All heavy atoms as atom14 arrays in JSON, in Angstrom:
{
  "sequence": "HWGEEKRRADPGFFCRAAVEGAVHPVWVVSDTRRLSDVEWFR",
  "atom14_mask": [
    [1, 1, 1, 1, 1, 1, 1, 1, 1, 1, 0, 0, 0, 0],
    [1, 1, 1, 1, 1, 1, 1, 1, 1, 1, 1, 1, 1, 1],
    [1, 1, 1, 1, 0, 0, 0, 0, 0, 0, 0, 0, 0, 0],
    [1, 1, 1, 1, 1, 1, 1, 1, 1, 0, 0, 0, 0, 0],
    [1, 1, 1, 1, 1, 1, 1, 1, 1, 0, 0, 0, 0, 0],
    [1, 1, 1, 1, 1, 1, 1, 1, 1, 0, 0, 0, 0, 0],
    [1, 1, 1, 1, 1, 1, 1, 1, 1, 1, 1, 0, 0, 0],
    [1, 1, 1, 1, 1, 1, 1, 1, 1, 1, 1, 0, 0, 0],
    [1, 1, 1, 1, 1, 0, 0, 0, 0, 0, 0, 0, 0, 0],
    [1, 1, 1, 1, 1, 1, 1, 1, 0, 0, 0, 0, 0, 0],
    [1, 1, 1, 1, 1, 1, 1, 0, 0, 0, 0, 0, 0, 0],
    [1, 1, 1, 1, 0, 0, 0, 0, 0, 0, 0, 0, 0, 0],
    [1, 1, 1, 1, 1, 1, 1, 1, 1, 1, 1, 0, 0, 0],
    [1, 1, 1, 1, 1, 1, 1, 1, 1, 1, 1, 0, 0, 0],
    [1, 1, 1, 1, 1, 1, 0, 0, 0, 0, 0, 0, 0, 0],
    [1, 1, 1, 1, 1, 1, 1, 1, 1, 1, 1, 0, 0, 0],
    [1, 1, 1, 1, 1, 0, 0, 0, 0, 0, 0, 0, 0, 0],
    [1, 1, 1, 1, 1, 0, 0, 0, 0, 0, 0, 0, 0, 0],
    [1, 1, 1, 1, 1, 1, 1, 0, 0, 0, 0, 0, 0, 0],
    [1, 1, 1, 1, 1, 1, 1, 1, 1, 0, 0, 0, 0, 0],
    [1, 1, 1, 1, 0, 0, 0, 0, 0, 0, 0, 0, 0, 0],
    [1, 1, 1, 1, 1, 0, 0, 0, 0, 0, 0, 0, 0, 0],
    [1, 1, 1, 1, 1, 1, 1, 0, 0, 0, 0, 0, 0, 0],
    [1, 1, 1, 1, 1, 1, 1, 1, 1, 1, 0, 0, 0, 0],
    [1, 1, 1, 1, 1, 1, 1, 0, 0, 0, 0, 0, 0, 0],
    [1, 1, 1, 1, 1, 1, 1, 0, 0, 0, 0, 0, 0, 0],
    [1, 1, 1, 1, 1, 1, 1, 1, 1, 1, 1, 1, 1, 1],
    [1, 1, 1, 1, 1, 1, 1, 0, 0, 0, 0, 0, 0, 0],
    [1, 1, 1, 1, 1, 1, 1, 0, 0, 0, 0, 0, 0, 0],
    [1, 1, 1, 1, 1, 1, 0, 0, 0, 0, 0, 0, 0, 0],
    [1, 1, 1, 1, 1, 1, 1, 1, 0, 0, 0, 0, 0, 0],
    [1, 1, 1, 1, 1, 1, 1, 0, 0, 0, 0, 0, 0, 0],
    [1, 1, 1, 1, 1, 1, 1, 1, 1, 1, 1, 0, 0, 0],
    [1, 1, 1, 1, 1, 1, 1, 1, 1, 1, 1, 0, 0, 0],
    [1, 1, 1, 1, 1, 1, 1, 1, 0, 0, 0, 0, 0, 0],
    [1, 1, 1, 1, 1, 1, 0, 0, 0, 0, 0, 0, 0, 0],
    [1, 1, 1, 1, 1, 1, 1, 1, 0, 0, 0, 0, 0, 0],
    [1, 1, 1, 1, 1, 1, 1, 0, 0, 0, 0, 0, 0, 0],
    [1, 1, 1, 1, 1, 1, 1, 1, 1, 0, 0, 0, 0, 0],
    [1, 1, 1, 1, 1, 1, 1, 1, 1, 1, 1, 1, 1, 1],
    [1, 1, 1, 1, 1, 1, 1, 1, 1, 1, 1, 0, 0, 0],
    [1, 1, 1, 1, 1, 1, 1, 1, 1, 1, 1, 0, 0, 0]
  ],
  "atom14_positions": [
    [[124.57, 112.31, 220.13], [123.68, 113.16, 219.13], [122.99, 112.15, 218.17], [121.74, 112.37, 217.94], [124.52, 114.16, 218.39], [125.08, 115.21, 219.26], [124.29, 116.13, 219.98], [126.42, 115.61, 219.47], [125.09, 116.96, 220.69], [126.28, 116.66, 220.4], [0.0, 0.0, 0.0], [0.0, 0.0, 0.0], [0.0, 0.0, 0.0], [0.0, 0.0, 0.0]],
    [[123.68, 111.18, 217.7], [123.13, 110.2, 216.66], [121.96, 109.44, 217.44], [120.93, 109.33, 216.91], [124.2, 109.27, 216.29], [123.64, 108.17, 215.45], [123.49, 108.21, 214.05], [123.3, 106.87, 215.85], [123.05, 106.97, 213.66], [122.86, 106.14, 214.74], [123.21, 106.16, 217.09], [122.49, 104.79, 214.82], [122.84, 104.9, 217.23], [122.43, 104.25, 216.08]],
    [[122.13, 108.97, 218.73], [121.17, 108.3, 219.48], [119.95, 109.18, 219.73], [118.88, 108.71, 219.75], [0.0, 0.0, 0.0], [0.0, 0.0, 0.0], [0.0, 0.0, 0.0], [0.0, 0.0, 0.0], [0.0, 0.0, 0.0], [0.0, 0.0, 0.0], [0.0, 0.0, 0.0], [0.0, 0.0, 0.0], [0.0, 0.0, 0.0], [0.0, 0.0, 0.0]],
    [[120.17, 110.48, 220.03], [119.04, 111.39, 220.19], [118.2, 111.54, 218.99], [116.96, 111.48, 218.98], [119.61, 112.81, 220.6], [120.26, 112.91, 221.95], [119.46, 112.29, 223.01], [118.31, 112.39, 223.1], [120.2, 111.81, 224.11], [0.0, 0.0, 0.0], [0.0, 0.0, 0.0], [0.0, 0.0, 0.0], [0.0, 0.0, 0.0], [0.0, 0.0, 0.0]],
    [[118.82, 111.56, 217.79], [118.02, 111.64, 216.59], [117.28, 110.32, 216.36], [116.04, 110.41, 215.92], [119.05, 111.75, 215.35], [119.68, 113.19, 215.33], [118.66, 114.33, 215.16], [117.72, 114.14, 214.3], [118.73, 115.34, 215.9], [0.0, 0.0, 0.0], [0.0, 0.0, 0.0], [0.0, 0.0, 0.0], [0.0, 0.0, 0.0], [0.0, 0.0, 0.0]],
    [[117.82, 109.25, 216.65], [117.08, 107.95, 216.5], [115.91, 107.95, 217.52], [114.74, 107.52, 217.03], [117.97, 106.72, 216.88], [118.99, 106.48, 215.77], [118.31, 105.72, 214.69], [119.35, 105.06, 213.72], [118.78, 104.76, 212.45], [0.0, 0.0, 0.0], [0.0, 0.0, 0.0], [0.0, 0.0, 0.0], [0.0, 0.0, 0.0], [0.0, 0.0, 0.0]],
    [[116.03, 108.36, 218.67], [115.01, 108.45, 219.74], [113.95, 109.4, 219.31], [112.77, 109.15, 219.52], [115.53, 108.77, 221.1], [116.15, 107.62, 221.81], [116.56, 108.0, 223.18], [117.08, 106.91, 223.91], [118.39, 106.57, 223.84], [119.23, 107.23, 223.11], [118.76, 105.58, 224.53], [0.0, 0.0, 0.0], [0.0, 0.0, 0.0], [0.0, 0.0, 0.0]],
    [[114.31, 110.55, 218.75], [113.22, 111.54, 218.24], [112.37, 110.81, 217.19], [111.2, 111.06, 217.16], [113.94, 112.78, 217.74], [114.15, 113.78, 218.84], [114.48, 115.12, 218.44], [115.86, 115.31, 218.0], [116.94, 115.46, 218.78], [116.76, 115.42, 220.11], [118.08, 115.61, 218.31], [0.0, 0.0, 0.0], [0.0, 0.0, 0.0], [0.0, 0.0, 0.0]],
    [[112.96, 110.12, 216.33], [112.25, 109.48, 215.22], [111.43, 108.35, 215.75], [110.29, 108.1, 215.28], [113.18, 109.05, 214.17], [0.0, 0.0, 0.0], [0.0, 0.0, 0.0], [0.0, 0.0, 0.0], [0.0, 0.0, 0.0], [0.0, 0.0, 0.0], [0.0, 0.0, 0.0], [0.0, 0.0, 0.0], [0.0, 0.0, 0.0], [0.0, 0.0, 0.0]],
    [[111.89, 107.63, 216.74], [111.25, 106.41, 217.3], [111.7, 106.27, 218.66], [112.75, 105.53, 219.04], [111.68, 105.22, 216.49], [111.01, 103.94, 216.98], [110.3, 103.86, 217.94], [111.25, 102.86, 216.34], [0.0, 0.0, 0.0], [0.0, 0.0, 0.0], [0.0, 0.0, 0.0], [0.0, 0.0, 0.0], [0.0, 0.0, 0.0], [0.0, 0.0, 0.0]],
    [[110.96, 106.82, 219.75], [111.33, 106.65, 221.15], [111.63, 105.26, 221.63], [112.39, 105.1, 222.59], [110.19, 107.36, 221.82], [109.53, 108.25, 220.86], [109.65, 107.5, 219.63], [0.0, 0.0, 0.0], [0.0, 0.0, 0.0], [0.0, 0.0, 0.0], [0.0, 0.0, 0.0], [0.0, 0.0, 0.0], [0.0, 0.0, 0.0], [0.0, 0.0, 0.0]],
    [[111.08, 104.28, 221.09], [111.22, 102.87, 221.51], [112.21, 102.06, 220.88], [112.42, 100.95, 221.13], [0.0, 0.0, 0.0], [0.0, 0.0, 0.0], [0.0, 0.0, 0.0], [0.0, 0.0, 0.0], [0.0, 0.0, 0.0], [0.0, 0.0, 0.0], [0.0, 0.0, 0.0], [0.0, 0.0, 0.0], [0.0, 0.0, 0.0], [0.0, 0.0, 0.0]],
    [[112.93, 102.67, 219.85], [113.88, 102.03, 219.03], [114.84, 101.1, 219.81], [114.97, 99.89, 219.58], [114.6, 102.97, 218.13], [115.55, 102.29, 217.11], [115.11, 101.79, 215.93], [116.89, 102.21, 217.45], [115.99, 101.28, 215.04], [117.83, 101.59, 216.49], [117.32, 101.18, 215.36], [0.0, 0.0, 0.0], [0.0, 0.0, 0.0], [0.0, 0.0, 0.0]],
    [[115.52, 101.73, 220.79], [116.61, 100.93, 221.56], [115.98, 100.05, 222.55], [116.55, 99.02, 222.9], [117.7, 101.95, 222.12], [118.32, 102.73, 221.04], [118.15, 104.17, 220.96], [119.2, 102.14, 220.21], [118.73, 104.83, 219.99], [119.72, 102.79, 219.15], [119.67, 104.25, 219.1], [0.0, 0.0, 0.0], [0.0, 0.0, 0.0], [0.0, 0.0, 0.0]],
    [[114.84, 100.54, 223.16], [114.16, 99.69, 224.16], [113.68, 98.4, 223.61], [113.8, 97.26, 224.15], [112.94, 100.45, 224.68], [113.4, 101.89, 225.62], [0.0, 0.0, 0.0], [0.0, 0.0, 0.0], [0.0, 0.0, 0.0], [0.0, 0.0, 0.0], [0.0, 0.0, 0.0], [0.0, 0.0, 0.0], [0.0, 0.0, 0.0], [0.0, 0.0, 0.0]],
    [[113.05, 98.44, 222.34], [112.6, 97.22, 221.78], [113.87, 96.3, 221.42], [113.72, 95.1, 221.52], [111.93, 97.5, 220.44], [110.43, 97.97, 220.68], [109.63, 97.94, 219.34], [110.31, 98.79, 218.41], [110.16, 100.03, 218.24], [109.52, 100.83, 219.07], [110.82, 100.78, 217.26], [0.0, 0.0, 0.0], [0.0, 0.0, 0.0], [0.0, 0.0, 0.0]],
    [[114.91, 96.84, 220.88], [116.1, 96.04, 220.64], [116.63, 95.45, 221.88], [117.11, 94.22, 221.8], [117.11, 96.95, 219.85], [0.0, 0.0, 0.0], [0.0, 0.0, 0.0], [0.0, 0.0, 0.0], [0.0, 0.0, 0.0], [0.0, 0.0, 0.0], [0.0, 0.0, 0.0], [0.0, 0.0, 0.0], [0.0, 0.0, 0.0], [0.0, 0.0, 0.0]],
    [[116.59, 96.08, 222.97], [117.13, 95.52, 224.23], [116.38, 94.43, 224.77], [116.97, 93.42, 225.28], [117.22, 96.64, 225.28], [0.0, 0.0, 0.0], [0.0, 0.0, 0.0], [0.0, 0.0, 0.0], [0.0, 0.0, 0.0], [0.0, 0.0, 0.0], [0.0, 0.0, 0.0], [0.0, 0.0, 0.0], [0.0, 0.0, 0.0], [0.0, 0.0, 0.0]],
    [[115.02, 94.43, 224.6], [114.14, 93.33, 225.23], [113.92, 92.18, 224.27], [113.44, 91.12, 224.74], [112.94, 93.86, 225.73], [113.05, 95.0, 226.76], [111.95, 94.36, 224.56], [0.0, 0.0, 0.0], [0.0, 0.0, 0.0], [0.0, 0.0, 0.0], [0.0, 0.0, 0.0], [0.0, 0.0, 0.0], [0.0, 0.0, 0.0], [0.0, 0.0, 0.0]],
    [[114.42, 92.43, 223.09], [114.15, 91.26, 222.07], [114.81, 90.01, 222.52], [116.05, 89.92, 222.8], [114.77, 91.7, 220.69], [114.44, 90.83, 219.6], [114.99, 91.34, 218.31], [114.52, 92.49, 217.88], [115.75, 90.68, 217.69], [0.0, 0.0, 0.0], [0.0, 0.0, 0.0], [0.0, 0.0, 0.0], [0.0, 0.0, 0.0], [0.0, 0.0, 0.0]],
    [[113.98, 88.91, 222.66], [114.45, 87.66, 223.08], [114.61, 87.47, 224.6], [114.96, 86.44, 225.05], [0.0, 0.0, 0.0], [0.0, 0.0, 0.0], [0.0, 0.0, 0.0], [0.0, 0.0, 0.0], [0.0, 0.0, 0.0], [0.0, 0.0, 0.0], [0.0, 0.0, 0.0], [0.0, 0.0, 0.0], [0.0, 0.0, 0.0], [0.0, 0.0, 0.0]],
    [[114.41, 88.47, 225.38], [114.51, 88.37, 226.86], [113.38, 87.53, 227.39], [112.19, 87.85, 227.05], [114.48, 89.73, 227.52], [0.0, 0.0, 0.0], [0.0, 0.0, 0.0], [0.0, 0.0, 0.0], [0.0, 0.0, 0.0], [0.0, 0.0, 0.0], [0.0, 0.0, 0.0], [0.0, 0.0, 0.0], [0.0, 0.0, 0.0], [0.0, 0.0, 0.0]],
    [[113.68, 86.49, 228.16], [112.64, 85.53, 228.64], [112.61, 85.44, 230.22], [111.59, 84.79, 230.7], [112.83, 84.09, 228.06], [112.78, 84.08, 226.53], [114.21, 83.54, 228.46], [0.0, 0.0, 0.0], [0.0, 0.0, 0.0], [0.0, 0.0, 0.0], [0.0, 0.0, 0.0], [0.0, 0.0, 0.0], [0.0, 0.0, 0.0], [0.0, 0.0, 0.0]],
    [[113.52, 86.04, 230.84], [113.57, 85.88, 232.29], [112.36, 86.75, 232.89], [112.02, 87.71, 232.29], [114.81, 86.48, 232.88], [116.06, 85.63, 232.51], [116.58, 85.72, 231.24], [116.74, 84.74, 233.17], [117.59, 84.85, 231.1], [117.7, 84.27, 232.31], [0.0, 0.0, 0.0], [0.0, 0.0, 0.0], [0.0, 0.0, 0.0], [0.0, 0.0, 0.0]],
    [[111.9, 86.34, 234.03], [110.83, 87.13, 234.62], [111.22, 88.52, 235.18], [110.36, 89.39, 235.36], [110.27, 86.2, 235.76], [111.39, 85.24, 236.12], [112.21, 85.12, 234.88], [0.0, 0.0, 0.0], [0.0, 0.0, 0.0], [0.0, 0.0, 0.0], [0.0, 0.0, 0.0], [0.0, 0.0, 0.0], [0.0, 0.0, 0.0], [0.0, 0.0, 0.0]],
    [[112.5, 88.65, 235.52], [112.96, 89.92, 236.0], [114.08, 90.48, 235.1], [115.07, 89.76, 234.77], [113.58, 89.82, 237.5], [114.12, 91.19, 237.92], [112.49, 89.33, 238.41], [0.0, 0.0, 0.0], [0.0, 0.0, 0.0], [0.0, 0.0, 0.0], [0.0, 0.0, 0.0], [0.0, 0.0, 0.0], [0.0, 0.0, 0.0], [0.0, 0.0, 0.0]],
    [[113.93, 91.74, 234.58], [114.82, 92.34, 233.72], [115.46, 93.57, 234.58], [114.58, 94.33, 235.07], [114.29, 92.78, 232.5], [113.62, 91.92, 231.68], [113.74, 90.53, 231.71], [112.61, 92.12, 230.65], [112.88, 89.94, 230.7], [112.29, 90.84, 230.05], [112.14, 93.2, 230.15], [111.28, 90.83, 229.01], [111.38, 93.29, 229.06], [110.82, 91.97, 228.51]],
    [[116.73, 93.7, 234.61], [117.26, 94.84, 235.16], [117.91, 95.61, 233.89], [118.69, 95.15, 233.29], [118.47, 94.62, 236.11], [119.18, 95.9, 236.48], [117.99, 93.82, 237.37], [0.0, 0.0, 0.0], [0.0, 0.0, 0.0], [0.0, 0.0, 0.0], [0.0, 0.0, 0.0], [0.0, 0.0, 0.0], [0.0, 0.0, 0.0], [0.0, 0.0, 0.0]],
    [[117.27, 96.76, 233.7], [117.72, 97.53, 232.54], [118.69, 98.56, 233.16], [118.3, 99.43, 233.82], [116.56, 98.32, 231.81], [117.09, 99.09, 230.63], [115.43, 97.37, 231.43], [0.0, 0.0, 0.0], [0.0, 0.0, 0.0], [0.0, 0.0, 0.0], [0.0, 0.0, 0.0], [0.0, 0.0, 0.0], [0.0, 0.0, 0.0], [0.0, 0.0, 0.0]],
    [[120.03, 98.16, 232.93], [121.0, 98.87, 233.66], [121.41, 100.28, 233.38], [122.01, 100.99, 234.09], [122.31, 98.02, 233.68], [122.81, 97.93, 232.29], [0.0, 0.0, 0.0], [0.0, 0.0, 0.0], [0.0, 0.0, 0.0], [0.0, 0.0, 0.0], [0.0, 0.0, 0.0], [0.0, 0.0, 0.0], [0.0, 0.0, 0.0], [0.0, 0.0, 0.0]],
    [[120.95, 100.68, 232.15], [121.39, 102.0, 231.7], [120.36, 102.9, 231.08], [120.48, 103.55, 230.14], [122.63, 101.86, 230.71], [122.16, 100.95, 229.53], [121.08, 100.41, 229.53], [122.95, 100.91, 228.57], [0.0, 0.0, 0.0], [0.0, 0.0, 0.0], [0.0, 0.0, 0.0], [0.0, 0.0, 0.0], [0.0, 0.0, 0.0], [0.0, 0.0, 0.0]],
    [[119.2, 102.82, 231.71], [118.03, 103.74, 231.31], [118.43, 105.12, 231.74], [118.7, 105.37, 232.87], [116.73, 103.39, 232.0], [116.52, 101.95, 231.71], [115.6, 104.15, 231.48], [0.0, 0.0, 0.0], [0.0, 0.0, 0.0], [0.0, 0.0, 0.0], [0.0, 0.0, 0.0], [0.0, 0.0, 0.0], [0.0, 0.0, 0.0], [0.0, 0.0, 0.0]],
    [[118.42, 106.1, 230.79], [118.95, 107.41, 231.04], [117.96, 108.51, 230.71], [118.26, 109.75, 230.97], [120.28, 107.67, 230.31], [121.26, 106.66, 230.78], [122.58, 106.9, 230.06], [123.63, 105.95, 230.41], [124.81, 106.29, 230.57], [125.24, 107.48, 230.2], [125.72, 105.35, 231.08], [0.0, 0.0, 0.0], [0.0, 0.0, 0.0], [0.0, 0.0, 0.0]],
    [[116.89, 108.24, 229.94], [115.98, 109.23, 229.54], [114.61, 109.0, 229.95], [114.18, 107.79, 230.01], [116.08, 109.28, 228.02], [117.37, 109.86, 227.58], [117.63, 109.62, 226.1], [118.95, 110.05, 225.61], [119.96, 109.26, 225.71], [119.95, 108.13, 226.37], [121.17, 109.72, 225.36], [0.0, 0.0, 0.0], [0.0, 0.0, 0.0], [0.0, 0.0, 0.0]],
    [[113.86, 110.01, 230.09], [112.43, 109.93, 230.42], [111.64, 109.12, 229.47], [110.83, 108.32, 229.78], [111.81, 111.31, 230.6], [110.33, 111.31, 231.02], [110.15, 110.6, 232.38], [109.82, 112.78, 231.22], [0.0, 0.0, 0.0], [0.0, 0.0, 0.0], [0.0, 0.0, 0.0], [0.0, 0.0, 0.0], [0.0, 0.0, 0.0], [0.0, 0.0, 0.0]],
    [[111.93, 109.25, 228.15], [111.26, 108.52, 227.17], [111.49, 107.06, 227.2], [110.61, 106.19, 226.94], [111.71, 109.0, 225.7], [113.2, 108.76, 225.56], [0.0, 0.0, 0.0], [0.0, 0.0, 0.0], [0.0, 0.0, 0.0], [0.0, 0.0, 0.0], [0.0, 0.0, 0.0], [0.0, 0.0, 0.0], [0.0, 0.0, 0.0], [0.0, 0.0, 0.0]],
    [[112.58, 106.53, 227.76], [112.91, 105.19, 227.94], [111.97, 104.68, 229.14], [111.39, 103.59, 228.98], [114.36, 104.88, 228.41], [115.38, 105.31, 227.38], [115.04, 105.24, 226.13], [116.54, 105.59, 227.74], [0.0, 0.0, 0.0], [0.0, 0.0, 0.0], [0.0, 0.0, 0.0], [0.0, 0.0, 0.0], [0.0, 0.0, 0.0], [0.0, 0.0, 0.0]],
    [[111.95, 105.39, 230.23], [111.09, 105.01, 231.33], [109.62, 104.99, 230.91], [108.91, 104.11, 231.15], [111.24, 105.97, 232.59], [110.23, 105.64, 233.57], [112.66, 105.97, 233.08], [0.0, 0.0, 0.0], [0.0, 0.0, 0.0], [0.0, 0.0, 0.0], [0.0, 0.0, 0.0], [0.0, 0.0, 0.0], [0.0, 0.0, 0.0], [0.0, 0.0, 0.0]],
    [[109.19, 105.99, 230.14], [107.86, 106.04, 229.59], [107.51, 104.8, 228.73], [106.45, 104.31, 228.84], [107.5, 107.33, 228.93], [107.51, 108.56, 229.89], [107.47, 109.84, 229.16], [107.82, 109.92, 228.02], [107.12, 110.87, 229.82], [0.0, 0.0, 0.0], [0.0, 0.0, 0.0], [0.0, 0.0, 0.0], [0.0, 0.0, 0.0], [0.0, 0.0, 0.0]],
    [[108.45, 104.48, 227.82], [108.23, 103.34, 226.99], [108.02, 102.05, 227.78], [107.1, 101.37, 227.52], [109.48, 103.18, 225.98], [109.23, 102.11, 225.05], [108.61, 102.2, 223.84], [109.52, 100.65, 225.12], [108.47, 100.99, 223.18], [109.08, 100.02, 223.96], [110.15, 99.92, 226.08], [109.17, 98.73, 223.73], [110.25, 98.54, 225.86], [109.76, 97.98, 224.74]],
    [[108.93, 101.8, 228.82], [108.76, 100.56, 229.62], [107.34, 100.59, 230.38], [106.71, 99.55, 230.42], [109.86, 100.36, 230.48], [111.08, 99.75, 229.9], [112.14, 100.55, 229.34], [111.16, 98.45, 229.65], [113.23, 99.96, 228.78], [112.23, 97.84, 228.94], [113.2, 98.53, 228.51], [0.0, 0.0, 0.0], [0.0, 0.0, 0.0], [0.0, 0.0, 0.0]],
    [[106.98, 101.76, 230.89], [105.79, 101.85, 231.64], [104.54, 101.63, 230.67], [103.6, 101.07, 231.05], [105.7, 103.16, 232.43], [106.54, 103.17, 233.62], [106.37, 104.39, 234.39], [107.13, 104.2, 235.73], [107.58, 105.32, 236.4], [107.32, 106.51, 235.99], [108.18, 105.14, 237.51], [0.0, 0.0, 0.0], [0.0, 0.0, 0.0], [0.0, 0.0, 0.0]]
  ]
}
């Protein structure tokens, strides 16, 4: 529930935090679970 509230306020909040500092050419985001996450990456 807490995570849903954070996403409603800022859909990219956790996505931005996850990719921060990632430098590899291929990223496997192992636990994308919501359409808003997929939309953010796209």
